[in-house]
């Protein structure tokens, strides 16, 4: 896996904060047993989550206070 550049990942999310939260949540899901959306090739959960976001398989959006 080529590590995606941070700029590539930021293009897929509204903010750096949203990117970090989405990556952390997806990593936690993988650690807890959810199936990866890509072939993991014995990669660590964080690397899988980053690659899923980079490929557009996981999308992230900010929840506005008005949405609550």
PDB file of N, CA and C in Angstrom:
ATOM      1  N   UNK A   1       0.842  -1.178   0.000  1.00  0.00           N
ATOM      2  CA  UNK A   1       0.000   0.000   0.000  1.00  0.00           C
ATOM      3  C   UNK A   1       0.886   1.239   0.000  1.00  0.00           C
ATOM      4  N   UNK A   2       0.627   2.133  -0.915  1.00  0.00           N
ATOM      5  CA  UNK A   2       1.268   3.438  -0.863  1.00  0.00           C
ATOM      6  C   UNK A   2       0.480   4.280   0.112  1.00  0.00           C
ATOM      7  N   UNK A   3       1.185   4.870   1.053  1.00  0.00           N
ATOM      8  CA  UNK A   3       0.495   5.696   2.032  1.00  0.00           C
ATOM      9  C   UNK A   3      -0.034   6.940   1.338  1.00  0.00           C
ATOM     10  N   UNK A   4      -1.331   7.222   1.477  1.00  0.00           N
ATOM     11  CA  UNK A   4      -1.853   8.435   0.844  1.00  0.00           C
ATOM     12  C   UNK A   4      -1.323   9.677   1.559  1.00  0.00           C
ATOM     13  N   UNK A   5      -1.101  10.703   0.798  1.00  0.00           N
ATOM     14  CA  UNK A   5      -0.656  11.974   1.358  1.00  0.00           C
ATOM     15  C   UNK A   5      -1.832  12.598   2.108  1.00  0.00           C
ATOM     16  N   UNK A   6      -1.541  13.323   3.168  1.00  0.00           N
ATOM     17  CA  UNK A   6      -2.587  13.924   3.992  1.00  0.00           C
ATOM     18  C   UNK A   6      -3.499  14.818   3.159  1.00  0.00           C
ATOM     19  N   UNK A   7      -2.959  15.494   2.157  1.00  0.00           N
ATOM     20  CA  UNK A   7      -3.784  16.363   1.314  1.00  0.00           C
ATOM     21  C   UNK A   7      -4.840  15.568   0.557  1.00  0.00           C
ATOM     22  N   UNK A   8      -4.493  14.355   0.125  1.00  0.00           N
ATOM     23  CA  UNK A   8      -5.462  13.497  -0.556  1.00  0.00           C
ATOM     24  C   UNK A   8      -6.611  13.145   0.381  1.00  0.00           C
ATOM     25  N   UNK A   9      -6.281  12.827   1.617  1.00  0.00           N
ATOM     26  CA  UNK A   9      -7.306  12.458   2.591  1.00  0.00           C
ATOM     27  C   UNK A   9      -8.176  13.651   2.957  1.00  0.00           C
ATOM     28  N   UNK A  10      -7.568  14.821   3.081  1.00  0.00           N
ATOM     29  CA  UNK A  10      -8.334  16.014   3.443  1.00  0.00           C
ATOM     30  C   UNK A  10      -9.315  16.419   2.349  1.00  0.00           C
ATOM     31  N   UNK A  11      -9.046  16.050   1.108  1.00  0.00           N
ATOM     32  CA  UNK A  11      -9.980  16.326   0.012  1.00  0.00           C
ATOM     33  C   UNK A  11     -11.265  15.518   0.169  1.00  0.00           C
ATOM     34  N   UNK A  12     -11.218  14.449   0.924  1.00  0.00           N
ATOM     35  CA  UNK A  12     -12.357  13.552   1.070  1.00  0.00           C
ATOM     36  C   UNK A  12     -13.196  13.839   2.311  1.00  0.00           C
ATOM     37  N   UNK A  13     -12.766  14.791   3.125  1.00  0.00           N
ATOM     38  CA  UNK A  13     -13.492  15.140   4.346  1.00  0.00           C
ATOM     39  C   UNK A  13     -13.584  16.654   4.466  1.00  0.00           C
ATOM     40  N   UNK A  14     -14.580  17.140   5.210  1.00  0.00           N
ATOM     41  CA  UNK A  14     -14.742  18.585   5.335  1.00  0.00           C
ATOM     42  C   UNK A  14     -13.666  19.278   6.173  1.00  0.00           C
ATOM     43  N   UNK A  15     -12.978  18.545   7.037  1.00  0.00           N
ATOM     44  CA  UNK A  15     -11.954  19.170   7.882  1.00  0.00           C
ATOM     45  C   UNK A  15     -10.987  18.111   8.400  1.00  0.00           C
ATOM     46  N   UNK A  16      -9.869  18.573   8.918  1.00  0.00           N
ATOM     47  CA  UNK A  16      -8.892  17.656   9.505  1.00  0.00           C
ATOM     48  C   UNK A  16      -9.488  16.955  10.719  1.00  0.00           C
ATOM     49  N   UNK A  17     -10.256  17.683  11.505  1.00  0.00           N
ATOM     50  CA  UNK A  17     -10.900  17.101  12.688  1.00  0.00           C
ATOM     51  C   UNK A  17     -11.823  15.955  12.277  1.00  0.00           C
ATOM     52  N   UNK A  18     -12.634  16.182  11.258  1.00  0.00           N
ATOM     53  CA  UNK A  18     -13.546  15.141  10.782  1.00  0.00           C
ATOM     54  C   UNK A  18     -12.772  13.932  10.286  1.00  0.00           C
ATOM     55  N   UNK A  19     -11.670  14.162   9.611  1.00  0.00           N
ATOM     56  CA  UNK A  19     -10.826  13.066   9.131  1.00  0.00           C
ATOM     57  C   UNK A  19     -10.301  12.234  10.292  1.00  0.00           C
ATOM     58  N   UNK A  20      -9.811  12.886  11.322  1.00  0.00           N
ATOM     59  CA  UNK A  20      -9.261  12.178  12.481  1.00  0.00           C
ATOM     60  C   UNK A  20     -10.349  11.377  13.183  1.00  0.00           C
ATOM     61  N   UNK A  21     -11.511  11.987  13.391  1.00  0.00           N
ATOM     62  CA  UNK A  21     -12.603  11.295  14.085  1.00  0.00           C
ATOM     63  C   UNK A  21     -13.086  10.100  13.262  1.00  0.00           C
ATOM     64  N   UNK A  22     -13.266  10.291  11.966  1.00  0.00           N
ATOM     65  CA  UNK A  22     -13.733   9.199  11.107  1.00  0.00           C
ATOM     66  C   UNK A  22     -12.725   8.050  11.075  1.00  0.00           C
ATOM     67  N   UNK A  23     -11.457   8.384  10.991  1.00  0.00           N
ATOM     68  CA  UNK A  23     -10.414   7.356  10.981  1.00  0.00           C
ATOM     69  C   UNK A  23     -10.392   6.592  12.297  1.00  0.00           C
ATOM     70  N   UNK A  24     -10.503   7.307  13.402  1.00  0.00           N
ATOM     71  CA  UNK A  24     -10.499   6.655  14.719  1.00  0.00           C
ATOM     72  C   UNK A  24     -11.713   5.748  14.889  1.00  0.00           C
ATOM     73  N   UNK A  25     -12.881   6.220  14.471  1.00  0.00           N
ATOM     74  CA  UNK A  25     -14.096   5.403  14.601  1.00  0.00           C
ATOM     75  C   UNK A  25     -14.002   4.137  13.753  1.00  0.00           C
ATOM     76  N   UNK A  26     -13.535   4.285  12.516  1.00  0.00           N
ATOM     77  CA  UNK A  26     -13.429   3.116  11.643  1.00  0.00           C
ATOM     78  C   UNK A  26     -12.375   2.140  12.165  1.00  0.00           C
ATOM     79  N   UNK A  27     -11.275   2.658  12.671  1.00  0.00           N
ATOM     80  CA  UNK A  27     -10.242   1.799  13.249  1.00  0.00           C
ATOM     81  C   UNK A  27     -10.810   1.013  14.416  1.00  0.00           C
ATOM     82  N   UNK A  28     -11.571   1.669  15.274  1.00  0.00           N
ATOM     83  CA  UNK A  28     -12.187   0.994  16.418  1.00  0.00           C
ATOM     84  C   UNK A  28     -13.139  -0.106  15.942  1.00  0.00           C
ATOM     85  N   UNK A  29     -13.929   0.172  14.902  1.00  0.00           N
ATOM     86  CA  UNK A  29     -14.829  -0.850  14.363  1.00  0.00           C
ATOM     87  C   UNK A  29     -14.043  -2.074  13.894  1.00  0.00           C
ATOM     88  N   UNK A  30     -12.943  -1.838  13.209  1.00  0.00           N
ATOM     89  CA  UNK A  30     -12.125  -2.951  12.714  1.00  0.00           C
ATOM     90  C   UNK A  30     -11.527  -3.756  13.861  1.00  0.00           C
ATOM     91  N   UNK A  31     -11.048  -3.070  14.882  1.00  0.00           N
ATOM     92  CA  UNK A  31     -10.473  -3.753  16.046  1.00  0.00           C
ATOM     93  C   UNK A  31     -11.536  -4.602  16.738  1.00  0.00           C
ATOM     94  N   UNK A  32     -12.779  -4.105  16.749  1.00  0.00           N
ATOM     95  CA  UNK A  32     -13.869  -4.823  17.414  1.00  0.00           C
ATOM     96  C   UNK A  32     -14.452  -5.942  16.557  1.00  0.00           C
ATOM     97  N   UNK A  33     -13.925  -6.136  15.338  1.00  0.00           N
ATOM     98  CA  UNK A  33     -14.331  -7.296  14.559  1.00  0.00           C
ATOM     99  C   UNK A  33     -15.086  -7.036  13.275  1.00  0.00           C
ATOM    100  N   UNK A  34     -15.386  -5.794  12.942  1.00  0.00           N
ATOM    101  CA  UNK A  34     -16.061  -5.525  11.672  1.00  0.00           C
ATOM    102  C   UNK A  34     -15.133  -5.898  10.524  1.00  0.00           C
ATOM    103  N   UNK A  35     -15.724  -6.332   9.434  1.00  0.00           N
ATOM    104  CA  UNK A  35     -14.947  -6.765   8.278  1.00  0.00           C
ATOM    105  C   UNK A  35     -14.424  -5.566   7.490  1.00  0.00           C
ATOM    106  N   UNK A  36     -13.179  -5.623   7.061  1.00  0.00           N
ATOM    107  CA  UNK A  36     -12.640  -4.542   6.230  1.00  0.00           C
ATOM    108  C   UNK A  36     -13.301  -4.540   4.853  1.00  0.00           C
ATOM    109  N   UNK A  37     -13.360  -3.372   4.233  1.00  0.00           N
ATOM    110  CA  UNK A  37     -13.951  -3.227   2.908  1.00  0.00           C
ATOM    111  C   UNK A  37     -12.922  -3.427   1.805  1.00  0.00           C
ATOM    112  N   UNK A  38     -11.675  -3.651   2.198  1.00  0.00           N
ATOM    113  CA  UNK A  38     -10.593  -3.918   1.248  1.00  0.00           C
ATOM    114  C   UNK A  38      -9.888  -5.193   1.684  1.00  0.00           C
ATOM    115  N   UNK A  39      -9.040  -5.712   0.813  1.00  0.00           N
ATOM    116  CA  UNK A  39      -8.221  -6.867   1.179  1.00  0.00           C
ATOM    117  C   UNK A  39      -7.151  -6.383   2.155  1.00  0.00           C
ATOM    118  N   UNK A  40      -7.202  -6.826   3.415  1.00  0.00           N
ATOM    119  CA  UNK A  40      -6.301  -6.266   4.422  1.00  0.00           C
ATOM    120  C   UNK A  40      -4.830  -6.619   4.252  1.00  0.00           C
ATOM    121  N   UNK A  41      -4.492  -7.715   3.617  1.00  0.00           N
ATOM    122  CA  UNK A  41      -3.091  -8.123   3.423  1.00  0.00           C
ATOM    123  C   UNK A  41      -2.277  -7.992   4.711  1.00  0.00           C
ATOM    124  N   UNK A  42      -2.859  -8.429   5.802  1.00  0.00           N
ATOM    125  CA  UNK A  42      -2.196  -8.428   7.109  1.00  0.00           C
ATOM    126  C   UNK A  42      -1.773  -7.033   7.568  1.00  0.00           C
ATOM    127  N   UNK A  43      -2.515  -6.019   7.175  1.00  0.00           N
ATOM    128  CA  UNK A  43      -2.216  -4.648   7.610  1.00  0.00           C
ATOM    129  C   UNK A  43      -2.854  -4.367   8.954  1.00  0.00           C
ATOM    130  N   UNK A  44      -2.377  -3.345   9.590  1.00  0.00           N
ATOM    131  CA  UNK A  44      -2.934  -2.926  10.869  1.00  0.00           C
ATOM    132  C   UNK A  44      -4.261  -2.206  10.630  1.00  0.00           C
ATOM    133  N   UNK A  45      -5.168  -2.241  11.620  1.00  0.00           N
ATOM    134  CA  UNK A  45      -6.484  -1.612  11.460  1.00  0.00           C
ATOM    135  C   UNK A  45      -6.424  -0.136  11.062  1.00  0.00           C
ATOM    136  N   UNK A  46      -5.482   0.621  11.590  1.00  0.00           N
ATOM    137  CA  UNK A  46      -5.378   2.036  11.235  1.00  0.00           C
ATOM    138  C   UNK A  46      -5.056   2.204   9.753  1.00  0.00           C
ATOM    139  N   UNK A  47      -4.136   1.414   9.238  1.00  0.00           N
ATOM    140  CA  UNK A  47      -3.773   1.499   7.821  1.00  0.00           C
ATOM    141  C   UNK A  47      -4.952   1.114   6.934  1.00  0.00           C
ATOM    142  N   UNK A  48      -5.729   0.130   7.367  1.00  0.00           N
ATOM    143  CA  UNK A  48      -6.914  -0.284   6.610  1.00  0.00           C
ATOM    144  C   UNK A  48      -7.926   0.853   6.582  1.00  0.00           C
ATOM    145  N   UNK A  49      -8.183   1.466   7.733  1.00  0.00           N
ATOM    146  CA  UNK A  49      -9.149   2.568   7.817  1.00  0.00           C
ATOM    147  C   UNK A  49      -8.730   3.729   6.920  1.00  0.00           C
ATOM    148  N   UNK A  50      -7.456   4.075   6.940  1.00  0.00           N
ATOM    149  CA  UNK A  50      -6.963   5.173   6.101  1.00  0.00           C
ATOM    150  C   UNK A  50      -7.148   4.847   4.624  1.00  0.00           C
ATOM    151  N   UNK A  51      -6.837   3.624   4.238  1.00  0.00           N
ATOM    152  CA  UNK A  51      -6.981   3.230   2.838  1.00  0.00           C
ATOM    153  C   UNK A  51      -8.453   3.218   2.419  1.00  0.00           C
ATOM    154  N   UNK A  52      -9.343   2.771   3.293  1.00  0.00           N
ATOM    155  CA  UNK A  52     -10.776   2.786   2.980  1.00  0.00           C
ATOM    156  C   UNK A  52     -11.264   4.215   2.753  1.00  0.00           C
ATOM    157  N   UNK A  53     -10.830   5.138   3.581  1.00  0.00           N
ATOM    158  CA  UNK A  53     -11.210   6.543   3.407  1.00  0.00           C
ATOM    159  C   UNK A  53     -10.620   7.086   2.115  1.00  0.00           C
ATOM    160  N   UNK A  54      -9.376   6.772   1.843  1.00  0.00           N
ATOM    161  CA  UNK A  54      -8.719   7.252   0.627  1.00  0.00           C
ATOM    162  C   UNK A  54      -9.421   6.746  -0.626  1.00  0.00           C
ATOM    163  N   UNK A  55      -9.901   5.538  -0.604  1.00  0.00           N
ATOM    164  CA  UNK A  55     -10.593   4.966  -1.769  1.00  0.00           C
ATOM    165  C   UNK A  55     -12.045   5.427  -1.868  1.00  0.00           C
ATOM    166  N   UNK A  56     -12.527   6.144  -0.867  1.00  0.00           N
ATOM    167  CA  UNK A  56     -13.908   6.625  -0.887  1.00  0.00           C
ATOM    168  C   UNK A  56     -14.919   5.596  -0.420  1.00  0.00           C
ATOM    169  N   UNK A  57     -14.446   4.519   0.198  1.00  0.00           N
ATOM    170  CA  UNK A  57     -15.347   3.479   0.689  1.00  0.00           C
ATOM    171  C   UNK A  57     -15.999   3.878   2.007  1.00  0.00           C
ATOM    172  N   UNK A  58     -15.359   4.761   2.729  1.00  0.00           N
ATOM    173  CA  UNK A  58     -15.881   5.312   3.979  1.00  0.00           C
ATOM    174  C   UNK A  58     -15.990   6.814   3.766  1.00  0.00           C
ATOM    175  N   UNK A  59     -17.159   7.363   4.038  1.00  0.00           N
ATOM    176  CA  UNK A  59     -17.324   8.806   3.914  1.00  0.00           C
ATOM    177  C   UNK A  59     -17.538   9.405   5.293  1.00  0.00           C
ATOM    178  N   UNK A  60     -17.148  10.641   5.431  1.00  0.00           N
ATOM    179  CA  UNK A  60     -17.274  11.327   6.716  1.00  0.00           C
ATOM    180  C   UNK A  60     -17.915  12.683   6.487  1.00  0.00           C
ATOM    181  N   UNK A  61     -18.767  13.053   7.407  1.00  0.00           N
ATOM    182  CA  UNK A  61     -19.368  14.379   7.354  1.00  0.00           C
ATOM    183  C   UNK A  61     -19.532  14.901   8.769  1.00  0.00           C
ATOM    184  N   UNK A  62     -19.587  16.196   8.899  1.00  0.00           N
ATOM    185  CA  UNK A  62     -19.746  16.811  10.216  1.00  0.00           C
ATOM    186  C   UNK A  62     -21.212  16.853  10.570  1.00  0.00           C
ATOM    187  N   UNK A  63     -21.507  16.542  11.808  1.00  0.00           N
ATOM    188  CA  UNK A  63     -22.868  16.645  12.303  1.00  0.00           C
ATOM    189  C   UNK A  63     -23.009  18.024  12.939  1.00  0.00           C
ATOM    190  N   UNK A  64     -23.898  18.815  12.405  1.00  0.00           N
ATOM    191  CA  UNK A  64     -24.108  20.154  12.928  1.00  0.00           C
ATOM    192  C   UNK A  64     -24.985  20.093  14.163  1.00  0.00           C
ATOM    193  N   UNK A  65     -24.835  21.042  15.054  1.00  0.00           N
ATOM    194  CA  UNK A  65     -25.634  21.071  16.279  1.00  0.00           C
ATOM    195  C   UNK A  65     -27.120  21.097  15.959  1.00  0.00           C
ATOM    196  N   UNK A  66     -27.512  21.756  14.891  1.00  0.00           N
ATOM    197  CA  UNK A  66     -28.918  21.819  14.505  1.00  0.00           C
ATOM    198  C   UNK A  66     -29.455  20.453  14.101  1.00  0.00           C
ATOM    199  N   UNK A  67     -28.570  19.539  13.706  1.00  0.00           N
ATOM    200  CA  UNK A  67     -28.974  18.191  13.305  1.00  0.00           C
ATOM    201  C   UNK A  67     -29.308  17.306  14.490  1.00  0.00           C
ATOM    202  N   UNK A  68     -28.909  17.693  15.673  1.00  0.00           N
ATOM    203  CA  UNK A  68     -29.077  16.827  16.844  1.00  0.00           C
ATOM    204  C   UNK A  68     -30.497  16.791  17.316  1.00  0.00           C
TER     205      UNK A  68
END
